[in-house]
Structure formats: structure tokens, C-alpha cells
Amino acid sequence: MSSCNNRTTLGKPRWLRRTLPTGPEYEKIRRLLKGHELTTVCQKAKCPNQFECYSQGTATFMILGERCTRNCRFCAVEHRPEGPPDPEEPERVAEAVALLELRYAVVTSVTRDDLADGGASLFAETIAAIRRRRPNTLVEVLIPDLQGDPDALQTILNAGPHVLNHNIETVARLYPEVRHQAEYRRSLALIRRVKKKKTHPQIPTKSGIMLGLGETFQEIEETWRDLLVAGCDILTMGQYLQPSASHLAVQRFLPPEEFAELEQKAYALGFAGVASGPFVRSSYQAETLYRRAMRRIT
């Protein structure tokens, strides 16, 4: 697994071609989201799994608007947010979770560096709203780095999510090119703070890495070790796919068997839960991965 030039243009291999499922459940979720004026990261980030997840009755809700203050070169979400967050959004998400009778809900957001708490209060309100409507639904939050603000993180932790997810995204060397407005060490510090909070050490932490951007195996393993030292319990690894010609090019398409090998190595290193595959994303089959990890943690 060697580093490559950023301008490389690669044709998509056969294992990344898939039939898009549709059907009643897909249409049900699509109509519900539209009717409740809700956004999913599935749509905005052009996730390759959105058709599959919708058809299986699941979705990852994206709060705090549809635009991001950051402009990462791998991400399809638009930037430059307009206006304050919608205070009614938490209740709309909770109503959708109730209507879909979800056992497990994932809530994520755009990054809102323009807000004093980075949007932490709206995450907390969304968790609380879901709990009022569906007390037994497990809630995973996939949060931005909150610019390293420990008080903002505490606001989210106090709401009691069942999983705290924050993606490291890539190896340290590639941060200036891939995530120039983020900091590798700041993301690790966020995960570390969750485990150091005396009131919340039981909350499992989760992080994800995109592969195919030019990282080496040594750099991947170093990132695993950094995450484990920080206290990360659950890891996801998936293939980076270029959203448009203006985004970073794919440097390498990893075959499925290599993803399977990486999964076994990550488990051997000490992660409680690992999902690794070309189509794996941070919230893909999140409930299954959570339950698998909890059997090891407990």
C-alpha cells in the first residue's frame, strides 16, 4: 500500500459496481424525510449505501443545516452555512425516528465553526427529543471536532448518547491536503476526553478512516495505535470515492480481500469492533457493529 500522486485518475473496479435497491421501504423513508424537511448525510455526502439503507428502513440524520463551515477536499457537503440552526429540528428528527420505529438512530451534522458551541446544544436537544419519543432507541452521534472545546463536548455527553463517534478520516501526513481546517491531534484529543470524563467512561467511542488517498500501511497502523491509545473502541474503514472532479482523486482502490485482512489486523491490535470494506462508512450497519463491540467490551 504505497503513496501515490494526487493527480492519478483511476477507473472504478468491478467490486465497486452494485445494483441500487429500491422498493416500498426506500420510498417510505424518502417521502418521510421530505415531508419532515429533514436532511440525511446519506444524500448530502453522496453515500454509496443510501439506497441499501433506505430500503432496509434506516437513515443517518444530519442536523444543523445542509452547509458546512469547512471545505474538506474529500467531502461532497456544500460549505458556507447560512443562518442559525432550526430550533424545531430536534423534534422533527425524533418524530421521524418514532414513525420509523427505529431501534438504533444515528445523528450527525455539518461542522458549524460559526456557532459558539459548535452546535453541541442541538445535538443534546436531539438526543433528548428522541429519548422522549422512543425511550428504548439507542442513539449514536457522529460529531465534528467542536474546535476542541471541552465544554461543548460535555454538553453532548451529558445528554447520554449510547455511542460517541468522531472520524479521524485519514492519516496524520495527509491532513494538510485532505482536512486542512482540521487537526489530527485535536481529533484524537476529543476521543481521549470522552474516556477521561469520570461520569461517562462507559460510553463507547468510535472513529473511521477513509482509505485510498495515498496512505501507507505503516501510516494506517500508526493511526490505529493512536486511536487505541486515545481510547477508541470501534473502528470503521472504507474506500474513499471521489464525489466530483473538483475533489481529491482516488489514489488506489483496495480490493475486498485487503479490507478483510485489515479488519483482522485491527481486531488483533485491540479494537472491540471493526467494520472494514469498500462500501463501509462510519454509520453503515451501525447497530450490528455496536452490539458486536459491546459483547467484547462487557
C-alpha atoms as a PDB file:
ATOM      1  CA  MET A   1       0.000   0.000   0.000  1.00  0.00           C
ATOM      2  CA  SER A   2       2.095   2.875  -1.263  1.00  0.00           C
ATOM      3  CA  SER A   3       1.576   6.618  -1.533  1.00  0.00           C
ATOM      4  CA  CYS A   4       0.692   7.991  -4.979  1.00  0.00           C
ATOM      5  CA  ASN A   5       0.476  11.262  -6.834  1.00  0.00           C
ATOM      6  CA  ASN A   6      -2.727  13.257  -6.224  1.00  0.00           C
ATOM      7  CA  ARG A   7      -3.488  13.702  -9.907  1.00  0.00           C
ATOM      8  CA  THR A   8      -3.931   9.994 -10.569  1.00  0.00           C
ATOM      9  CA  THR A   9      -7.182   9.131 -12.373  1.00  0.00           C
ATOM     10  CA  LEU A  10      -8.410   5.583 -11.879  1.00  0.00           C
ATOM     11  CA  GLY A  11     -11.301   3.662 -13.363  1.00  0.00           C
ATOM     12  CA  LYS A  12     -13.751   2.198 -10.848  1.00  0.00           C
ATOM     13  CA  PRO A  13     -13.148  -1.564 -10.403  1.00  0.00           C
ATOM     14  CA  ARG A  14     -15.852  -4.200 -10.746  1.00  0.00           C
ATOM     15  CA  TRP A  15     -16.260  -4.731  -6.981  1.00  0.00           C
ATOM     16  CA  LEU A  16     -17.468  -1.138  -6.605  1.00  0.00           C
ATOM     17  CA  ARG A  17     -20.315  -1.628  -9.063  1.00  0.00           C
ATOM     18  CA  ARG A  18     -23.586  -2.506  -7.403  1.00  0.00           C
ATOM     19  CA  THR A  19     -27.279  -2.693  -8.192  1.00  0.00           C
ATOM     20  CA  LEU A  20     -29.214   0.026  -6.419  1.00  0.00           C
ATOM     21  CA  PRO A  21     -32.096  -1.488  -4.414  1.00  0.00           C
ATOM     22  CA  THR A  22     -35.437   0.290  -4.362  1.00  0.00           C
ATOM     23  CA  GLY A  23     -38.877  -0.647  -3.109  1.00  0.00           C
ATOM     24  CA  PRO A  24     -41.557   0.274  -0.555  1.00  0.00           C
ATOM     25  CA  GLU A  25     -39.206   0.895   2.382  1.00  0.00           C
ATOM     26  CA  TYR A  26     -36.907   3.087   0.298  1.00  0.00           C
ATOM     27  CA  GLU A  27     -39.849   5.187  -0.888  1.00  0.00           C
ATOM     28  CA  LYS A  28     -41.300   5.342   2.623  1.00  0.00           C
ATOM     29  CA  ILE A  29     -38.138   6.878   4.069  1.00  0.00           C
ATOM     30  CA  ARG A  30     -37.598   9.191   1.114  1.00  0.00           C
ATOM     31  CA  ARG A  31     -41.126  10.606   1.465  1.00  0.00           C
ATOM     32  CA  LEU A  32     -40.869  10.857   5.256  1.00  0.00           C
ATOM     33  CA  LEU A  33     -37.612  12.806   5.111  1.00  0.00           C
ATOM     34  CA  LYS A  34     -39.016  15.173   2.520  1.00  0.00           C
ATOM     35  CA  GLY A  35     -42.255  15.659   4.438  1.00  0.00           C
ATOM     36  CA  HIS A  36     -40.420  16.470   7.672  1.00  0.00           C
ATOM     37  CA  GLU A  37     -37.888  18.743   5.966  1.00  0.00           C
ATOM     38  CA  LEU A  38     -35.052  16.576   7.216  1.00  0.00           C
ATOM     39  CA  THR A  39     -31.596  16.078   5.783  1.00  0.00           C
ATOM     40  CA  THR A  40     -29.572  12.877   5.782  1.00  0.00           C
ATOM     41  CA  VAL A  41     -25.839  12.592   5.387  1.00  0.00           C
ATOM     42  CA  CYS A  42     -26.686   9.719   3.046  1.00  0.00           C
ATOM     43  CA  GLN A  43     -27.951  12.243   0.485  1.00  0.00           C
ATOM     44  CA  LYS A  44     -25.652  15.187   1.086  1.00  0.00           C
ATOM     45  CA  ALA A  45     -22.395  13.218   1.246  1.00  0.00           C
ATOM     46  CA  LYS A  46     -23.444  11.035  -1.716  1.00  0.00           C
ATOM     47  CA  CYS A  47     -23.037   7.872   0.349  1.00  0.00           C
ATOM     48  CA  PRO A  48     -22.959   4.752  -1.848  1.00  0.00           C
ATOM     49  CA  ASN A  49     -25.107   2.909   0.709  1.00  0.00           C
ATOM     50  CA  GLN A  50     -28.097   5.262   0.816  1.00  0.00           C
ATOM     51  CA  PHE A  51     -30.308   3.097  -1.401  1.00  0.00           C
ATOM     52  CA  GLU A  52     -29.458  -0.024   0.589  1.00  0.00           C
ATOM     53  CA  CYS A  53     -30.000   1.646   3.962  1.00  0.00           C
ATOM     54  CA  TYR A  54     -33.246   3.323   2.928  1.00  0.00           C
ATOM     55  CA  SER A  55     -34.567   0.031   1.556  1.00  0.00           C
ATOM     56  CA  GLN A  56     -33.752  -1.601   4.922  1.00  0.00           C
ATOM     57  CA  GLY A  57     -35.543   1.131   6.877  1.00  0.00           C
ATOM     58  CA  THR A  58     -32.564   3.083   8.218  1.00  0.00           C
ATOM     59  CA  ALA A  59     -31.015   6.510   7.686  1.00  0.00           C
ATOM     60  CA  THR A  60     -28.440   8.783   9.319  1.00  0.00           C
ATOM     61  CA  PHE A  61     -29.974  12.144  10.207  1.00  0.00           C
ATOM     62  CA  MET A  62     -27.910  15.273   9.595  1.00  0.00           C
ATOM     63  CA  ILE A  63     -28.707  18.280  11.786  1.00  0.00           C
ATOM     64  CA  LEU A  64     -27.517  21.910  11.929  1.00  0.00           C
ATOM     65  CA  GLY A  65     -28.383  22.628   8.304  1.00  0.00           C
ATOM     66  CA  GLU A  66     -27.119  21.445   4.949  1.00  0.00           C
ATOM     67  CA  ARG A  67     -23.966  23.573   4.607  1.00  0.00           C
ATOM     68  CA  CYS A  68     -20.634  23.305   6.392  1.00  0.00           C
ATOM     69  CA  THR A  69     -18.211  25.996   7.576  1.00  0.00           C
ATOM     70  CA  ARG A  70     -15.332  23.844   6.360  1.00  0.00           C
ATOM     71  CA  ASN A  71     -14.442  22.814   2.845  1.00  0.00           C
ATOM     72  CA  CYS A  72     -12.639  19.475   3.137  1.00  0.00           C
ATOM     73  CA  ARG A  73     -11.368  18.241  -0.205  1.00  0.00           C
ATOM     74  CA  PHE A  74     -12.921  14.789   0.150  1.00  0.00           C
ATOM     75  CA  CYS A  75     -16.455  15.817   1.133  1.00  0.00           C
ATOM     76  CA  ALA A  76     -19.493  16.443  -1.082  1.00  0.00           C
ATOM     77  CA  VAL A  77     -21.368  18.544   1.506  1.00  0.00           C
ATOM     78  CA  GLU A  78     -21.665  22.200   0.490  1.00  0.00           C
ATOM     79  CA  HIS A  79     -19.932  24.837   2.597  1.00  0.00           C
ATOM     80  CA  ARG A  80     -20.652  28.370   3.852  1.00  0.00           C
ATOM     81  CA  PRO A  81     -23.709  27.875   6.116  1.00  0.00           C
ATOM     82  CA  GLU A  82     -26.479  30.425   6.101  1.00  0.00           C
ATOM     83  CA  GLY A  83     -28.432  31.416   9.189  1.00  0.00           C
ATOM     84  CA  PRO A  84     -28.827  29.922  12.666  1.00  0.00           C
ATOM     85  CA  PRO A  85     -29.853  26.309  13.327  1.00  0.00           C
ATOM     86  CA  ASP A  86     -33.538  25.429  13.208  1.00  0.00           C
ATOM     87  CA  PRO A  87     -34.738  25.055  16.825  1.00  0.00           C
ATOM     88  CA  GLU A  88     -37.539  22.707  15.698  1.00  0.00           C
ATOM     89  CA  GLU A  89     -35.147  20.272  14.026  1.00  0.00           C
ATOM     90  CA  PRO A  90     -34.652  18.005  17.094  1.00  0.00           C
ATOM     91  CA  GLU A  91     -38.391  17.336  17.378  1.00  0.00           C
ATOM     92  CA  ARG A  92     -38.683  16.590  13.664  1.00  0.00           C
ATOM     93  CA  VAL A  93     -35.825  14.086  13.878  1.00  0.00           C
ATOM     94  CA  ALA A  94     -37.420  12.468  16.933  1.00  0.00           C
ATOM     95  CA  GLU A  95     -40.781  12.212  15.179  1.00  0.00           C
ATOM     96  CA  ALA A  96     -39.132  10.524  12.189  1.00  0.00           C
ATOM     97  CA  VAL A  97     -37.341   8.074  14.497  1.00  0.00           C
ATOM     98  CA  ALA A  98     -40.687   7.277  16.152  1.00  0.00           C
ATOM     99  CA  LEU A  99     -42.569   6.871  12.860  1.00  0.00           C
ATOM    100  CA  LEU A 100     -39.868   4.540  11.558  1.00  0.00           C
ATOM    101  CA  GLU A 101     -39.828   2.674  14.892  1.00  0.00           C
ATOM    102  CA  LEU A 102     -36.030   2.664  14.846  1.00  0.00           C
ATOM    103  CA  ARG A 103     -34.191   0.576  17.420  1.00  0.00           C
ATOM    104  CA  TYR A 104     -30.981   2.450  16.652  1.00  0.00           C
ATOM    105  CA  ALA A 105     -30.690   6.043  15.413  1.00  0.00           C
ATOM    106  CA  VAL A 106     -27.577   7.795  14.127  1.00  0.00           C
ATOM    107  CA  VAL A 107     -27.378  11.591  14.276  1.00  0.00           C
ATOM    108  CA  THR A 108     -24.588  13.566  12.638  1.00  0.00           C
ATOM    109  CA  SER A 109     -24.093  17.139  11.469  1.00  0.00           C
ATOM    110  CA  VAL A 110     -22.193  19.508   9.302  1.00  0.00           C
ATOM    111  CA  THR A 111     -19.375  21.375  11.052  1.00  0.00           C
ATOM    112  CA  ARG A 112     -20.557  24.727  12.411  1.00  0.00           C
ATOM    113  CA  ASP A 113     -17.497  26.679  13.498  1.00  0.00           C
ATOM    114  CA  ASP A 114     -19.664  29.808  13.353  1.00  0.00           C
ATOM    115  CA  LEU A 115     -21.638  28.709  16.431  1.00  0.00           C
ATOM    116  CA  ALA A 116     -20.326  29.343  19.936  1.00  0.00           C
ATOM    117  CA  ASP A 117     -20.680  25.687  20.978  1.00  0.00           C
ATOM    118  CA  GLY A 118     -20.215  24.201  17.522  1.00  0.00           C
ATOM    119  CA  GLY A 119     -23.825  23.016  17.599  1.00  0.00           C
ATOM    120  CA  ALA A 120     -23.385  20.844  20.696  1.00  0.00           C
ATOM    121  CA  SER A 121     -26.606  22.097  22.285  1.00  0.00           C
ATOM    122  CA  LEU A 122     -28.647  20.990  19.273  1.00  0.00           C
ATOM    123  CA  PHE A 123     -27.078  17.533  19.450  1.00  0.00           C
ATOM    124  CA  ALA A 124     -28.102  17.360  23.114  1.00  0.00           C
ATOM    125  CA  GLU A 125     -31.632  18.539  22.331  1.00  0.00           C
ATOM    126  CA  THR A 126     -31.947  15.957  19.550  1.00  0.00           C
ATOM    127  CA  ILE A 127     -30.844  13.113  21.836  1.00  0.00           C
ATOM    128  CA  ALA A 128     -33.344  14.286  24.477  1.00  0.00           C
ATOM    129  CA  ALA A 129     -36.164  14.562  21.936  1.00  0.00           C
ATOM    130  CA  ILE A 130     -35.556  11.031  20.645  1.00  0.00           C
ATOM    131  CA  ARG A 131     -35.481   9.715  24.197  1.00  0.00           C
ATOM    132  CA  ARG A 132     -38.858  11.323  24.965  1.00  0.00           C
ATOM    133  CA  ARG A 133     -40.448   9.739  21.889  1.00  0.00           C
ATOM    134  CA  ARG A 134     -38.594   6.417  21.862  1.00  0.00           C
ATOM    135  CA  PRO A 135     -37.024   5.711  25.284  1.00  0.00           C
ATOM    136  CA  ASN A 136     -35.600   2.373  24.178  1.00  0.00           C
ATOM    137  CA  THR A 137     -33.985   3.602  20.953  1.00  0.00           C
ATOM    138  CA  LEU A 138     -30.190   3.586  21.060  1.00  0.00           C
ATOM    139  CA  VAL A 139     -28.638   6.840  19.820  1.00  0.00           C
ATOM    140  CA  GLU A 140     -25.226   7.152  18.194  1.00  0.00           C
ATOM    141  CA  VAL A 141     -23.875  10.636  17.493  1.00  0.00           C
ATOM    142  CA  LEU A 142     -21.235  11.317  14.867  1.00  0.00           C
ATOM    143  CA  ILE A 143     -19.879  14.711  15.852  1.00  0.00           C
ATOM    144  CA  PRO A 144     -17.421  17.281  14.447  1.00  0.00           C
ATOM    145  CA  ASP A 145     -14.325  18.247  16.441  1.00  0.00           C
ATOM    146  CA  LEU A 146     -16.093  21.235  18.106  1.00  0.00           C
ATOM    147  CA  GLN A 147     -12.779  23.104  17.669  1.00  0.00           C
ATOM    148  CA  GLY A 148     -11.502  21.207  20.690  1.00  0.00           C
ATOM    149  CA  ASP A 149     -13.973  22.833  23.106  1.00  0.00           C
ATOM    150  CA  PRO A 150     -14.267  20.515  26.152  1.00  0.00           C
ATOM    151  CA  ASP A 151     -17.424  22.269  27.412  1.00  0.00           C
ATOM    152  CA  ALA A 152     -19.193  21.678  24.098  1.00  0.00           C
ATOM    153  CA  LEU A 153     -18.223  18.004  24.227  1.00  0.00           C
ATOM    154  CA  GLN A 154     -19.504  17.788  27.809  1.00  0.00           C
ATOM    155  CA  THR A 155     -22.863  19.175  26.685  1.00  0.00           C
ATOM    156  CA  ILE A 156     -23.247  16.247  24.285  1.00  0.00           C
ATOM    157  CA  LEU A 157     -22.000  13.665  26.782  1.00  0.00           C
ATOM    158  CA  ASN A 158     -24.428  14.915  29.432  1.00  0.00           C
ATOM    159  CA  ALA A 159     -27.291  14.073  27.062  1.00  0.00           C
ATOM    160  CA  GLY A 160     -26.220  10.415  27.280  1.00  0.00           C
ATOM    161  CA  PRO A 161     -25.616   9.107  23.756  1.00  0.00           C
ATOM    162  CA  HIS A 162     -25.018   5.378  23.527  1.00  0.00           C
ATOM    163  CA  VAL A 163     -22.029   5.832  21.174  1.00  0.00           C
ATOM    164  CA  LEU A 164     -19.782   8.861  20.623  1.00  0.00           C
ATOM    165  CA  ASN A 165     -18.386   8.759  17.088  1.00  0.00           C
ATOM    166  CA  HIS A 166     -15.811  11.185  15.685  1.00  0.00           C
ATOM    167  CA  ASN A 167     -13.978  10.353  12.480  1.00  0.00           C
ATOM    168  CA  ILE A 168     -10.209  10.731  12.259  1.00  0.00           C
ATOM    169  CA  GLU A 169     -10.775  10.424   8.449  1.00  0.00           C
ATOM    170  CA  THR A 170      -7.168   9.948   7.308  1.00  0.00           C
ATOM    171  CA  VAL A 171      -3.566   9.548   8.449  1.00  0.00           C
ATOM    172  CA  ALA A 172      -1.656  12.443  10.001  1.00  0.00           C
ATOM    173  CA  ARG A 173       0.582  13.133   6.978  1.00  0.00           C
ATOM    174  CA  LEU A 174      -2.397  13.751   4.682  1.00  0.00           C
ATOM    175  CA  TYR A 175      -4.267  16.177   6.944  1.00  0.00           C
ATOM    176  CA  PRO A 176      -2.924  19.383   5.300  1.00  0.00           C
ATOM    177  CA  GLU A 177      -4.205  18.183   1.942  1.00  0.00           C
ATOM    178  CA  VAL A 178      -7.344  16.275   2.932  1.00  0.00           C
ATOM    179  CA  ARG A 179      -8.552  18.173   6.027  1.00  0.00           C
ATOM    180  CA  HIS A 180      -6.690  21.475   6.007  1.00  0.00           C
ATOM    181  CA  GLN A 181      -9.102  23.092   8.508  1.00  0.00           C
ATOM    182  CA  ALA A 182      -8.870  20.221  10.982  1.00  0.00           C
ATOM    183  CA  GLU A 183      -6.098  18.882  13.215  1.00  0.00           C
ATOM    184  CA  TYR A 184      -5.154  15.242  13.665  1.00  0.00           C
ATOM    185  CA  ARG A 185      -4.159  15.670  17.326  1.00  0.00           C
ATOM    186  CA  ARG A 186      -7.317  17.656  18.097  1.00  0.00           C
ATOM    187  CA  SER A 187      -9.482  14.784  16.853  1.00  0.00           C
ATOM    188  CA  LEU A 188      -7.534  12.299  18.972  1.00  0.00           C
ATOM    189  CA  ALA A 189      -7.874  14.594  21.978  1.00  0.00           C
ATOM    190  CA  LEU A 190     -11.673  14.636  21.598  1.00  0.00           C
ATOM    191  CA  ILE A 191     -11.837  10.840  21.816  1.00  0.00           C
ATOM    192  CA  ARG A 192      -9.413  10.850  24.749  1.00  0.00           C
ATOM    193  CA  ARG A 193     -11.582  13.348  26.648  1.00  0.00           C
ATOM    194  CA  VAL A 194     -14.623  11.069  26.414  1.00  0.00           C
ATOM    195  CA  LYS A 195     -12.768   8.289  28.189  1.00  0.00           C
ATOM    196  CA  LYS A 196     -11.268  10.622  30.788  1.00  0.00           C
ATOM    197  CA  LYS A 197     -14.647  12.017  31.850  1.00  0.00           C
ATOM    198  CA  LYS A 198     -15.342  10.313  35.163  1.00  0.00           C
ATOM    199  CA  THR A 199     -19.098  10.468  34.574  1.00  0.00           C
ATOM    200  CA  HIS A 200     -19.024   8.995  31.063  1.00  0.00           C
ATOM    201  CA  PRO A 201     -16.186   6.459  30.681  1.00  0.00           C
ATOM    202  CA  GLN A 202     -18.781   3.790  29.806  1.00  0.00           C
ATOM    203  CA  ILE A 203     -19.773   5.459  26.522  1.00  0.00           C
ATOM    204  CA  PRO A 204     -18.134   3.532  23.656  1.00  0.00           C
ATOM    205  CA  THR A 205     -16.091   5.680  21.293  1.00  0.00           C
ATOM    206  CA  LYS A 206     -15.892   5.149  17.568  1.00  0.00           C
ATOM    207  CA  SER A 207     -13.883   6.541  14.670  1.00  0.00           C
ATOM    208  CA  GLY A 208     -13.487   5.986  10.950  1.00  0.00           C
ATOM    209  CA  ILE A 209     -10.776   6.130   8.292  1.00  0.00           C
ATOM    210  CA  MET A 210     -11.062   6.548   4.513  1.00  0.00           C
ATOM    211  CA  LEU A 211      -8.574   4.515   2.510  1.00  0.00           C
ATOM    212  CA  GLY A 212      -7.237   5.046  -0.987  1.00  0.00           C
ATOM    213  CA  LEU A 213      -5.905   8.598  -0.577  1.00  0.00           C
ATOM    214  CA  GLY A 214      -2.236   7.649  -0.744  1.00  0.00           C
ATOM    215  CA  GLU A 215      -1.650   6.384   2.801  1.00  0.00           C
ATOM    216  CA  THR A 216       0.772   3.537   3.505  1.00  0.00           C
ATOM    217  CA  PHE A 217       0.025   0.507   5.657  1.00  0.00           C
ATOM    218  CA  GLN A 218       2.555   1.743   8.217  1.00  0.00           C
ATOM    219  CA  GLU A 219       0.643   5.031   8.464  1.00  0.00           C
ATOM    220  CA  ILE A 220      -2.668   3.176   8.832  1.00  0.00           C
ATOM    221  CA  GLU A 221      -1.238   1.068  11.656  1.00  0.00           C
ATOM    222  CA  GLU A 222       0.165   4.188  13.353  1.00  0.00           C
ATOM    223  CA  THR A 223      -3.300   5.742  13.177  1.00  0.00           C
ATOM    224  CA  TRP A 224      -4.839   2.605  14.707  1.00  0.00           C
ATOM    225  CA  ARG A 225      -2.360   2.760  17.576  1.00  0.00           C
ATOM    226  CA  ASP A 226      -3.023   6.471  18.138  1.00  0.00           C
ATOM    227  CA  LEU A 227      -6.773   5.792  18.250  1.00  0.00           C
ATOM    228  CA  LEU A 228      -6.356   2.909  20.693  1.00  0.00           C
ATOM    229  CA  VAL A 229      -4.160   4.993  22.990  1.00  0.00           C
ATOM    230  CA  ALA A 230      -6.836   7.718  22.879  1.00  0.00           C
ATOM    231  CA  GLY A 231      -9.450   5.171  23.952  1.00  0.00           C
ATOM    232  CA  CYS A 232     -11.238   4.365  20.691  1.00  0.00           C
ATOM    233  CA  ASP A 233     -13.334   1.182  20.941  1.00  0.00           C
ATOM    234  CA  ILE A 234     -14.888   0.837  17.480  1.00  0.00           C
ATOM    235  CA  LEU A 235     -13.271   1.386  14.078  1.00  0.00           C
ATOM    236  CA  THR A 236     -14.668   1.657  10.557  1.00  0.00           C
ATOM    237  CA  MET A 237     -12.623   1.601   7.347  1.00  0.00           C
ATOM    238  CA  GLY A 238     -13.957   2.206   3.855  1.00  0.00           C
ATOM    239  CA  GLN A 239     -12.897   3.106   0.342  1.00  0.00           C
ATOM    240  CA  TYR A 240     -12.654   6.800  -0.473  1.00  0.00           C
ATOM    241  CA  LEU A 241     -14.725   7.622  -3.558  1.00  0.00           C
ATOM    242  CA  GLN A 242     -14.265  10.927  -5.364  1.00  0.00           C
ATOM    243  CA  PRO A 243     -17.567  12.898  -5.221  1.00  0.00           C
ATOM    244  CA  SER A 244     -16.730  15.119  -8.206  1.00  0.00           C
ATOM    245  CA  ALA A 245     -13.869  16.156 -10.472  1.00  0.00           C
ATOM    246  CA  SER A 246     -13.104  19.080  -8.142  1.00  0.00           C
ATOM    247  CA  HIS A 247     -12.454  16.796  -5.162  1.00  0.00           C
ATOM    248  CA  LEU A 248      -9.331  14.798  -4.352  1.00  0.00           C
ATOM    249  CA  ALA A 249      -8.693  11.959  -6.768  1.00  0.00           C
ATOM    250  CA  VAL A 250      -8.631   8.347  -5.646  1.00  0.00           C
ATOM    251  CA  GLN A 251      -5.067   7.068  -5.490  1.00  0.00           C
ATOM    252  CA  ARG A 252      -5.888   3.396  -5.087  1.00  0.00           C
ATOM    253  CA  PHE A 253      -8.898   1.101  -4.965  1.00  0.00           C
ATOM    254  CA  LEU A 254      -8.344  -1.532  -2.293  1.00  0.00           C
ATOM    255  CA  PRO A 255      -9.814  -4.959  -3.151  1.00  0.00           C
ATOM    256  CA  PRO A 256     -12.331  -6.528  -0.727  1.00  0.00           C
ATOM    257  CA  GLU A 257      -9.840  -9.152   0.430  1.00  0.00           C
ATOM    258  CA  GLU A 258      -7.420  -6.432   1.534  1.00  0.00           C
ATOM    259  CA  PHE A 259     -10.152  -4.745   3.551  1.00  0.00           C
ATOM    260  CA  ALA A 260     -10.886  -8.126   5.178  1.00  0.00           C
ATOM    261  CA  GLU A 261      -7.202  -8.513   6.049  1.00  0.00           C
ATOM    262  CA  LEU A 262      -7.089  -5.023   7.563  1.00  0.00           C
ATOM    263  CA  GLU A 263     -10.151  -5.832   9.665  1.00  0.00           C
ATOM    264  CA  GLN A 264      -8.465  -8.885  11.153  1.00  0.00           C
ATOM    265  CA  LYS A 265      -5.275  -6.940  11.887  1.00  0.00           C
ATOM    266  CA  ALA A 266      -7.223  -4.146  13.590  1.00  0.00           C
ATOM    267  CA  TYR A 267      -9.071  -6.659  15.755  1.00  0.00           C
ATOM    268  CA  ALA A 268      -5.759  -8.295  16.653  1.00  0.00           C
ATOM    269  CA  LEU A 269      -4.369  -4.934  17.689  1.00  0.00           C
ATOM    270  CA  GLY A 270      -7.173  -4.429  20.202  1.00  0.00           C
ATOM    271  CA  PHE A 271     -10.314  -2.769  18.809  1.00  0.00           C
ATOM    272  CA  ALA A 272     -13.573  -4.117  20.241  1.00  0.00           C
ATOM    273  CA  GLY A 273     -15.473  -3.672  16.995  1.00  0.00           C
ATOM    274  CA  VAL A 274     -14.220  -3.295  13.423  1.00  0.00           C
ATOM    275  CA  ALA A 275     -16.054  -2.937  10.113  1.00  0.00           C
ATOM    276  CA  SER A 276     -13.864  -2.829   7.023  1.00  0.00           C
ATOM    277  CA  GLY A 277     -14.891  -2.981   3.380  1.00  0.00           C
ATOM    278  CA  PRO A 278     -15.117  -0.951   0.169  1.00  0.00           C
ATOM    279  CA  PHE A 279     -18.635   0.312   0.978  1.00  0.00           C
ATOM    280  CA  VAL A 280     -18.229   0.671   4.743  1.00  0.00           C
ATOM    281  CA  ARG A 281     -18.972   4.143   6.092  1.00  0.00           C
ATOM    282  CA  SER A 282     -18.974   5.368   9.683  1.00  0.00           C
ATOM    283  CA  SER A 283     -22.685   4.709  10.249  1.00  0.00           C
ATOM    284  CA  TYR A 284     -23.068   1.674   7.981  1.00  0.00           C
ATOM    285  CA  GLN A 285     -24.826  -1.164   9.841  1.00  0.00           C
ATOM    286  CA  ALA A 286     -24.102   0.800  12.999  1.00  0.00           C
ATOM    287  CA  GLU A 287     -26.369  -1.220  15.295  1.00  0.00           C
ATOM    288  CA  THR A 288     -24.783  -4.535  14.299  1.00  0.00           C
ATOM    289  CA  LEU A 289     -21.285  -3.169  14.878  1.00  0.00           C
ATOM    290  CA  TYR A 290     -22.268  -1.615  18.210  1.00  0.00           C
ATOM    291  CA  ARG A 291     -23.720  -4.847  19.554  1.00  0.00           C
ATOM    292  CA  ARG A 292     -20.730  -6.845  18.336  1.00  0.00           C
ATOM    293  CA  ALA A 293     -18.358  -4.426  20.094  1.00  0.00           C
ATOM    294  CA  MET A 294     -20.350  -4.373  23.331  1.00  0.00           C
ATOM    295  CA  ARG A 295     -20.025  -8.142  23.662  1.00  0.00           C
ATOM    296  CA  ARG A 296     -16.260  -7.636  23.781  1.00  0.00           C
ATOM    297  CA  ILE A 297     -16.301  -4.519  25.958  1.00  0.00           C
ATOM    298  CA  THR A 298     -18.577  -6.003  28.600  1.00  0.00           C
END
